[in-house]
Amino acid sequence: MIKLKPIGPNQTTLKIGGSEFFFSYETLVGVHNGKFLITDKFYSKTTSSHISNWLKTHKLDKKSATEVNPGVLETAFALKNLNQ
């Protein structure tokens, strides 16, 4: 099942199967696929706040997530779509 859900202004989750992809504005900045991965790239204070808010919806903070290069998030997204 694929489900797109706005969770706040300029904040959207996309659920595909058991994975969740989090977007701030139009940028993929987080993935939950058994573990939480967040971008290590600084985009803006607002995007950083969006990431914190997304993690809070899962009762987590940034210390609970693994920071990775944005390319890792994009690869996770691409692989999930190929396997569906």
N, C-alpha and C. Protein backbone atom coordinates (compact mmCIF):
# COMPACT_ATOMS: atom_id res chain seq x y z
N MET A 1 0.84 -1.18 0.00
CA MET A 1 0.00 0.00 0.00
C MET A 1 0.89 1.24 0.00
N ILE A 2 0.48 2.24 -0.74
CA ILE A 2 1.18 3.52 -0.81
C ILE A 2 0.26 4.58 -0.24
N LYS A 3 0.78 5.37 0.71
CA LYS A 3 -0.04 6.40 1.33
C LYS A 3 0.76 7.68 1.51
N LEU A 4 0.24 8.77 0.96
CA LEU A 4 0.85 10.10 1.07
C LEU A 4 0.06 10.87 2.13
N LYS A 5 0.78 11.44 3.12
CA LYS A 5 0.09 12.12 4.21
C LYS A 5 0.80 13.40 4.61
N PRO A 6 0.15 14.55 4.43
CA PRO A 6 0.71 15.80 4.95
C PRO A 6 0.63 15.75 6.49
N ILE A 7 1.73 16.08 7.17
CA ILE A 7 1.70 16.05 8.64
C ILE A 7 1.88 17.45 9.23
N GLY A 8 2.03 18.43 8.39
CA GLY A 8 2.17 19.81 8.81
C GLY A 8 2.47 20.65 7.59
N PRO A 9 2.52 21.97 7.76
CA PRO A 9 2.86 22.82 6.62
C PRO A 9 4.23 22.44 6.04
N ASN A 10 4.24 22.14 4.76
CA ASN A 10 5.46 21.78 4.03
C ASN A 10 6.15 20.55 4.59
N GLN A 11 5.37 19.64 5.20
CA GLN A 11 5.90 18.40 5.77
C GLN A 11 4.99 17.25 5.33
N THR A 12 5.59 16.25 4.69
CA THR A 12 4.80 15.16 4.12
C THR A 12 5.50 13.83 4.36
N THR A 13 4.71 12.81 4.68
CA THR A 13 5.26 11.46 4.74
C THR A 13 4.68 10.66 3.58
N LEU A 14 5.48 9.76 3.08
CA LEU A 14 5.06 8.83 2.03
C LEU A 14 5.35 7.45 2.56
N LYS A 15 4.30 6.64 2.75
CA LYS A 15 4.47 5.28 3.24
C LYS A 15 4.32 4.32 2.07
N ILE A 16 5.32 3.47 1.93
CA ILE A 16 5.31 2.44 0.90
C ILE A 16 5.63 1.13 1.62
N GLY A 17 4.64 0.24 1.70
CA GLY A 17 4.85 -0.99 2.44
C GLY A 17 5.18 -0.65 3.88
N GLY A 18 6.28 -1.20 4.40
CA GLY A 18 6.68 -0.95 5.77
C GLY A 18 7.66 0.19 5.92
N SER A 19 7.92 0.93 4.86
CA SER A 19 8.87 2.04 4.93
C SER A 19 8.14 3.38 4.89
N GLU A 20 8.74 4.35 5.56
CA GLU A 20 8.19 5.70 5.58
C GLU A 20 9.28 6.67 5.13
N PHE A 21 8.91 7.57 4.24
CA PHE A 21 9.82 8.58 3.71
C PHE A 21 9.28 9.95 4.10
N PHE A 22 10.15 10.79 4.66
CA PHE A 22 9.72 12.10 5.14
C PHE A 22 10.33 13.20 4.28
N PHE A 23 9.46 14.11 3.85
CA PHE A 23 9.86 15.23 3.00
C PHE A 23 9.59 16.55 3.71
N SER A 24 10.58 17.44 3.65
CA SER A 24 10.41 18.81 4.08
C SER A 24 10.41 19.63 2.80
N TYR A 25 9.34 20.36 2.61
CA TYR A 25 9.10 21.01 1.32
C TYR A 25 9.12 19.91 0.25
N GLU A 26 10.01 19.94 -0.70
CA GLU A 26 10.06 18.91 -1.75
C GLU A 26 11.29 18.02 -1.62
N THR A 27 11.96 18.08 -0.46
CA THR A 27 13.24 17.39 -0.28
C THR A 27 13.10 16.21 0.67
N LEU A 28 13.59 15.05 0.25
CA LEU A 28 13.62 13.87 1.10
C LEU A 28 14.69 14.08 2.18
N VAL A 29 14.25 14.08 3.45
CA VAL A 29 15.19 14.35 4.55
C VAL A 29 15.18 13.26 5.62
N GLY A 30 14.29 12.27 5.50
CA GLY A 30 14.24 11.21 6.49
C GLY A 30 13.64 9.93 5.93
N VAL A 31 14.12 8.81 6.48
CA VAL A 31 13.61 7.49 6.09
C VAL A 31 13.46 6.66 7.36
N HIS A 32 12.34 5.94 7.45
CA HIS A 32 12.18 4.95 8.51
C HIS A 32 11.93 3.61 7.81
N ASN A 33 12.92 2.74 7.89
CA ASN A 33 12.82 1.42 7.26
C ASN A 33 13.38 0.35 8.21
N GLY A 34 12.88 0.39 9.44
CA GLY A 34 13.40 -0.47 10.48
C GLY A 34 14.30 0.32 11.41
N LYS A 35 14.96 1.32 10.88
CA LYS A 35 15.70 2.29 11.67
C LYS A 35 15.45 3.67 11.07
N PHE A 36 15.74 4.68 11.84
CA PHE A 36 15.50 6.05 11.39
C PHE A 36 16.78 6.64 10.84
N LEU A 37 16.71 7.09 9.61
CA LEU A 37 17.83 7.77 8.95
C LEU A 37 17.40 9.19 8.65
N ILE A 38 18.25 10.15 8.95
CA ILE A 38 17.97 11.55 8.62
C ILE A 38 19.17 12.13 7.89
N THR A 39 18.91 13.15 7.11
CA THR A 39 19.98 13.79 6.35
C THR A 39 21.01 14.43 7.27
N ASP A 40 22.26 14.37 6.85
CA ASP A 40 23.30 15.07 7.59
C ASP A 40 23.57 16.45 6.98
N LYS A 41 22.83 16.77 5.94
CA LYS A 41 22.99 18.07 5.27
C LYS A 41 22.08 19.11 5.92
N PHE A 42 22.63 20.28 6.19
CA PHE A 42 21.83 21.37 6.72
C PHE A 42 21.18 22.12 5.56
N TYR A 43 19.85 22.16 5.57
CA TYR A 43 19.12 22.90 4.53
C TYR A 43 18.67 24.26 5.07
N SER A 44 18.02 24.26 6.23
CA SER A 44 17.56 25.50 6.85
C SER A 44 17.11 25.18 8.28
N LYS A 45 16.92 26.25 9.07
CA LYS A 45 16.41 26.05 10.43
C LYS A 45 15.02 25.42 10.38
N THR A 46 14.23 25.82 9.39
CA THR A 46 12.88 25.29 9.28
C THR A 46 12.90 23.80 8.98
N THR A 47 13.74 23.38 8.03
CA THR A 47 13.83 21.96 7.71
C THR A 47 14.34 21.17 8.91
N SER A 48 15.30 21.70 9.63
CA SER A 48 15.79 21.04 10.85
C SER A 48 14.66 20.87 11.86
N SER A 49 13.83 21.88 11.98
CA SER A 49 12.66 21.81 12.87
C SER A 49 11.67 20.76 12.38
N HIS A 50 11.46 20.69 11.06
CA HIS A 50 10.56 19.68 10.50
C HIS A 50 11.05 18.27 10.84
N ILE A 51 12.36 18.04 10.71
CA ILE A 51 12.92 16.73 11.02
C ILE A 51 12.68 16.40 12.49
N SER A 52 12.92 17.34 13.37
CA SER A 52 12.67 17.11 14.80
C SER A 52 11.21 16.79 15.06
N ASN A 53 10.31 17.52 14.41
CA ASN A 53 8.88 17.27 14.59
C ASN A 53 8.49 15.88 14.10
N TRP A 54 9.03 15.46 12.96
CA TRP A 54 8.74 14.12 12.43
C TRP A 54 9.21 13.06 13.41
N LEU A 55 10.41 13.21 13.92
CA LEU A 55 10.93 12.23 14.90
C LEU A 55 10.06 12.22 16.16
N LYS A 56 9.59 13.39 16.59
CA LYS A 56 8.73 13.45 17.78
C LYS A 56 7.43 12.68 17.58
N THR A 57 6.93 12.63 16.34
CA THR A 57 5.70 11.86 16.10
C THR A 57 5.94 10.37 16.34
N HIS A 58 7.20 9.97 16.33
CA HIS A 58 7.57 8.58 16.61
C HIS A 58 8.20 8.44 18.01
N LYS A 59 8.03 9.52 18.82
CA LYS A 59 8.56 9.56 20.19
C LYS A 59 10.08 9.40 20.23
N LEU A 60 10.75 10.03 19.27
CA LEU A 60 12.21 10.00 19.18
C LEU A 60 12.77 11.42 19.11
N ASP A 61 14.08 11.53 19.26
CA ASP A 61 14.76 12.79 19.02
C ASP A 61 15.90 12.54 18.04
N LYS A 62 16.61 13.60 17.67
CA LYS A 62 17.67 13.45 16.66
C LYS A 62 18.78 12.51 17.10
N LYS A 63 18.99 12.38 18.40
CA LYS A 63 20.03 11.48 18.91
C LYS A 63 19.67 10.01 18.63
N SER A 64 18.39 9.73 18.43
CA SER A 64 17.93 8.36 18.19
C SER A 64 18.04 7.96 16.73
N ALA A 65 18.30 8.91 15.86
CA ALA A 65 18.37 8.66 14.42
C ALA A 65 19.83 8.66 13.96
N THR A 66 20.05 8.03 12.81
CA THR A 66 21.38 8.00 12.21
C THR A 66 21.44 9.04 11.11
N GLU A 67 22.42 9.94 11.19
CA GLU A 67 22.60 10.94 10.15
C GLU A 67 23.38 10.33 8.99
N VAL A 68 22.86 10.53 7.79
CA VAL A 68 23.49 9.98 6.58
C VAL A 68 23.49 11.02 5.48
N ASN A 69 24.32 10.80 4.48
CA ASN A 69 24.37 11.64 3.29
C ASN A 69 23.01 11.57 2.58
N PRO A 70 22.53 12.68 2.02
CA PRO A 70 21.25 12.66 1.30
C PRO A 70 21.18 11.57 0.23
N GLY A 71 22.30 11.22 -0.37
CA GLY A 71 22.31 10.16 -1.38
C GLY A 71 21.88 8.82 -0.82
N VAL A 72 22.18 8.57 0.44
CA VAL A 72 21.76 7.32 1.08
C VAL A 72 20.24 7.27 1.19
N LEU A 73 19.63 8.41 1.54
CA LEU A 73 18.16 8.47 1.62
C LEU A 73 17.55 8.24 0.25
N GLU A 74 18.12 8.86 -0.76
CA GLU A 74 17.59 8.71 -2.13
C GLU A 74 17.74 7.28 -2.62
N THR A 75 18.84 6.63 -2.27
CA THR A 75 19.04 5.23 -2.65
C THR A 75 18.00 4.34 -1.98
N ALA A 76 17.74 4.58 -0.70
CA ALA A 76 16.72 3.80 0.02
C ALA A 76 15.36 3.97 -0.65
N PHE A 77 15.04 5.19 -1.07
CA PHE A 77 13.78 5.46 -1.74
C PHE A 77 13.71 4.73 -3.08
N ALA A 78 14.78 4.81 -3.86
CA ALA A 78 14.81 4.18 -5.17
C ALA A 78 14.70 2.67 -5.05
N LEU A 79 15.42 2.09 -4.10
CA LEU A 79 15.37 0.63 -3.92
C LEU A 79 14.00 0.17 -3.49
N LYS A 80 13.36 0.91 -2.62
CA LYS A 80 12.01 0.55 -2.17
C LYS A 80 11.04 0.57 -3.34
N ASN A 81 11.16 1.56 -4.21
CA ASN A 81 10.26 1.67 -5.36
C ASN A 81 10.51 0.56 -6.38
N LEU A 82 11.75 0.13 -6.54
CA LEU A 82 12.07 -0.96 -7.47
C LEU A 82 11.53 -2.29 -6.98
N ASN A 83 11.45 -2.44 -5.66
CA ASN A 83 11.02 -3.71 -5.08
C ASN A 83 9.53 -3.82 -4.90
N GLN A 84 8.78 -2.79 -5.22
CA GLN A 84 7.32 -2.84 -5.06
C GLN A 84 6.65 -3.47 -6.26
